[in-house]
Every structure is written in structure tokens, then in C-alpha cells.
């Protein structure tokens, strides 16, 4: 079993895309994101609302290319 661990992505979509790309290229079976998933700098938005939107909409879109066999733990 191949496991990829990362943390402190802070909503950086380019970093999420790099993690997903690495997982796809290297046949990763599970990804563990250890914390600090959501953006911390949200200009013009409510902090909580912006994080909620990221977790509900953006994060699922970012991990969607992964096969169902690759589990994501946050």
C-alpha cells in the first residue's frame, strides 16, 4: 500500500493539484492531509464562510480526478 502524507496546504489550489498529480502518477492508495486544509487569507469574505465554501465545493472538485480506490483522509 502506497500512502501519501501532506499538511499545511492552506487552500492553495496549486499545491492540491500537485498532490493529486503526484498521487495519480505514482499509484497512491491513500492520501492523508494532516491539517490546515482551508484557506487562511480570504479578502472580502467572511473567514468561516470562505472556509466552508472551500471544504464543501472546492476541495471535492480538486480530489475528483482520483480513482475511487484512492482514499483521502483529512
C-alpha atoms as a PDB file:
ATOM      1  CA  UNK A   1       0.000   0.000   0.000  1.00  0.00           C
ATOM      2  CA  UNK A   2       1.320   3.430  -1.001  1.00  0.00           C
ATOM      3  CA  UNK A   3       0.369   6.294   1.332  1.00  0.00           C
ATOM      4  CA  UNK A   4       0.987   9.992   0.672  1.00  0.00           C
ATOM      5  CA  UNK A   5       1.004  12.369   3.636  1.00  0.00           C
ATOM      6  CA  UNK A   6       0.822  16.143   3.416  1.00  0.00           C
ATOM      7  CA  UNK A   7      -0.295  19.048   5.576  1.00  0.00           C
ATOM      8  CA  UNK A   8      -0.453  22.833   5.717  1.00  0.00           C
ATOM      9  CA  UNK A   9      -1.861  23.322   2.224  1.00  0.00           C
ATOM     10  CA  UNK A  10      -3.967  26.281   3.446  1.00  0.00           C
ATOM     11  CA  UNK A  11      -6.321  26.134   0.475  1.00  0.00           C
ATOM     12  CA  UNK A  12      -3.514  26.583  -2.069  1.00  0.00           C
ATOM     13  CA  UNK A  13      -5.128  25.060  -5.146  1.00  0.00           C
ATOM     14  CA  UNK A  14      -1.820  24.706  -6.998  1.00  0.00           C
ATOM     15  CA  UNK A  15      -0.452  22.650  -4.109  1.00  0.00           C
ATOM     16  CA  UNK A  16      -3.573  20.475  -4.031  1.00  0.00           C
ATOM     17  CA  UNK A  17      -3.254  19.924  -7.771  1.00  0.00           C
ATOM     18  CA  UNK A  18       0.409  18.929  -7.321  1.00  0.00           C
ATOM     19  CA  UNK A  19      -0.524  16.411  -4.618  1.00  0.00           C
ATOM     20  CA  UNK A  20      -3.292  14.925  -6.774  1.00  0.00           C
ATOM     21  CA  UNK A  21      -1.000  14.766  -9.802  1.00  0.00           C
ATOM     22  CA  UNK A  22       1.676  13.003  -7.755  1.00  0.00           C
ATOM     23  CA  UNK A  23      -0.884  10.547  -6.414  1.00  0.00           C
ATOM     24  CA  UNK A  24      -2.152   9.743  -9.907  1.00  0.00           C
ATOM     25  CA  UNK A  25       1.335   9.366 -11.353  1.00  0.00           C
ATOM     26  CA  UNK A  26       2.571   7.142  -8.528  1.00  0.00           C
ATOM     27  CA  UNK A  27      -0.470   4.913  -7.961  1.00  0.00           C
ATOM     28  CA  UNK A  28      -1.054   6.181  -4.429  1.00  0.00           C
ATOM     29  CA  UNK A  29      -3.655   4.183  -2.484  1.00  0.00           C
ATOM     30  CA  UNK A  30      -4.378   6.736   0.244  1.00  0.00           C
ATOM     31  CA  UNK A  31      -3.743  10.423   0.882  1.00  0.00           C
ATOM     32  CA  UNK A  32      -3.637  11.797   4.405  1.00  0.00           C
ATOM     33  CA  UNK A  33      -3.972  15.563   4.758  1.00  0.00           C
ATOM     34  CA  UNK A  34      -2.825  16.257   8.309  1.00  0.00           C
ATOM     35  CA  UNK A  35      -4.345  19.656   8.854  1.00  0.00           C
ATOM     36  CA  UNK A  36      -4.632  23.263   7.763  1.00  0.00           C
ATOM     37  CA  UNK A  37      -6.685  22.322   4.705  1.00  0.00           C
ATOM     38  CA  UNK A  38      -8.659  25.515   4.136  1.00  0.00           C
ATOM     39  CA  UNK A  39      -7.513  28.989   3.084  1.00  0.00           C
ATOM     40  CA  UNK A  40      -6.413  31.341   5.817  1.00  0.00           C
ATOM     41  CA  UNK A  41      -6.336  34.601   3.834  1.00  0.00           C
ATOM     42  CA  UNK A  42      -9.780  35.351   2.464  1.00  0.00           C
ATOM     43  CA  UNK A  43     -10.034  39.003   1.421  1.00  0.00           C
ATOM     44  CA  UNK A  44     -13.534  40.373   1.119  1.00  0.00           C
ATOM     45  CA  UNK A  45     -15.192  37.285   2.550  1.00  0.00           C
ATOM     46  CA  UNK A  46     -16.287  36.031   5.896  1.00  0.00           C
ATOM     47  CA  UNK A  47     -13.492  33.785   7.148  1.00  0.00           C
ATOM     48  CA  UNK A  48     -15.838  30.972   8.183  1.00  0.00           C
ATOM     49  CA  UNK A  49     -17.975  31.276   5.032  1.00  0.00           C
ATOM     50  CA  UNK A  50     -14.891  31.154   2.802  1.00  0.00           C
ATOM     51  CA  UNK A  51     -13.527  28.083   4.546  1.00  0.00           C
ATOM     52  CA  UNK A  52     -16.931  26.375   4.411  1.00  0.00           C
ATOM     53  CA  UNK A  53     -17.173  27.031   0.663  1.00  0.00           C
ATOM     54  CA  UNK A  54     -13.672  25.677   0.127  1.00  0.00           C
ATOM     55  CA  UNK A  55     -14.422  22.473   2.057  1.00  0.00           C
ATOM     56  CA  UNK A  56     -17.856  21.924   0.506  1.00  0.00           C
ATOM     57  CA  UNK A  57     -17.159  22.841  -3.107  1.00  0.00           C
ATOM     58  CA  UNK A  58     -13.509  23.435  -3.974  1.00  0.00           C
ATOM     59  CA  UNK A  59     -11.875  20.517  -2.166  1.00  0.00           C
ATOM     60  CA  UNK A  60     -14.257  17.900  -3.629  1.00  0.00           C
ATOM     61  CA  UNK A  61     -13.611  19.314  -7.115  1.00  0.00           C
ATOM     62  CA  UNK A  62      -9.847  19.143  -6.550  1.00  0.00           C
ATOM     63  CA  UNK A  63      -9.857  15.491  -5.441  1.00  0.00           C
ATOM     64  CA  UNK A  64     -12.424  14.385  -8.057  1.00  0.00           C
ATOM     65  CA  UNK A  65      -9.750  13.132 -10.536  1.00  0.00           C
ATOM     66  CA  UNK A  66      -8.628  10.488  -8.040  1.00  0.00           C
ATOM     67  CA  UNK A  67      -9.917   6.975  -8.597  1.00  0.00           C
ATOM     68  CA  UNK A  68     -12.433   5.721  -6.037  1.00  0.00           C
ATOM     69  CA  UNK A  69      -9.843   3.227  -4.849  1.00  0.00           C
ATOM     70  CA  UNK A  70      -7.662   6.101  -3.560  1.00  0.00           C
ATOM     71  CA  UNK A  71      -8.958   7.110  -0.134  1.00  0.00           C
ATOM     72  CA  UNK A  72      -8.492  10.669   1.149  1.00  0.00           C
ATOM     73  CA  UNK A  73      -8.298  11.189   4.917  1.00  0.00           C
ATOM     74  CA  UNK A  74      -8.469  14.668   6.393  1.00  0.00           C
END
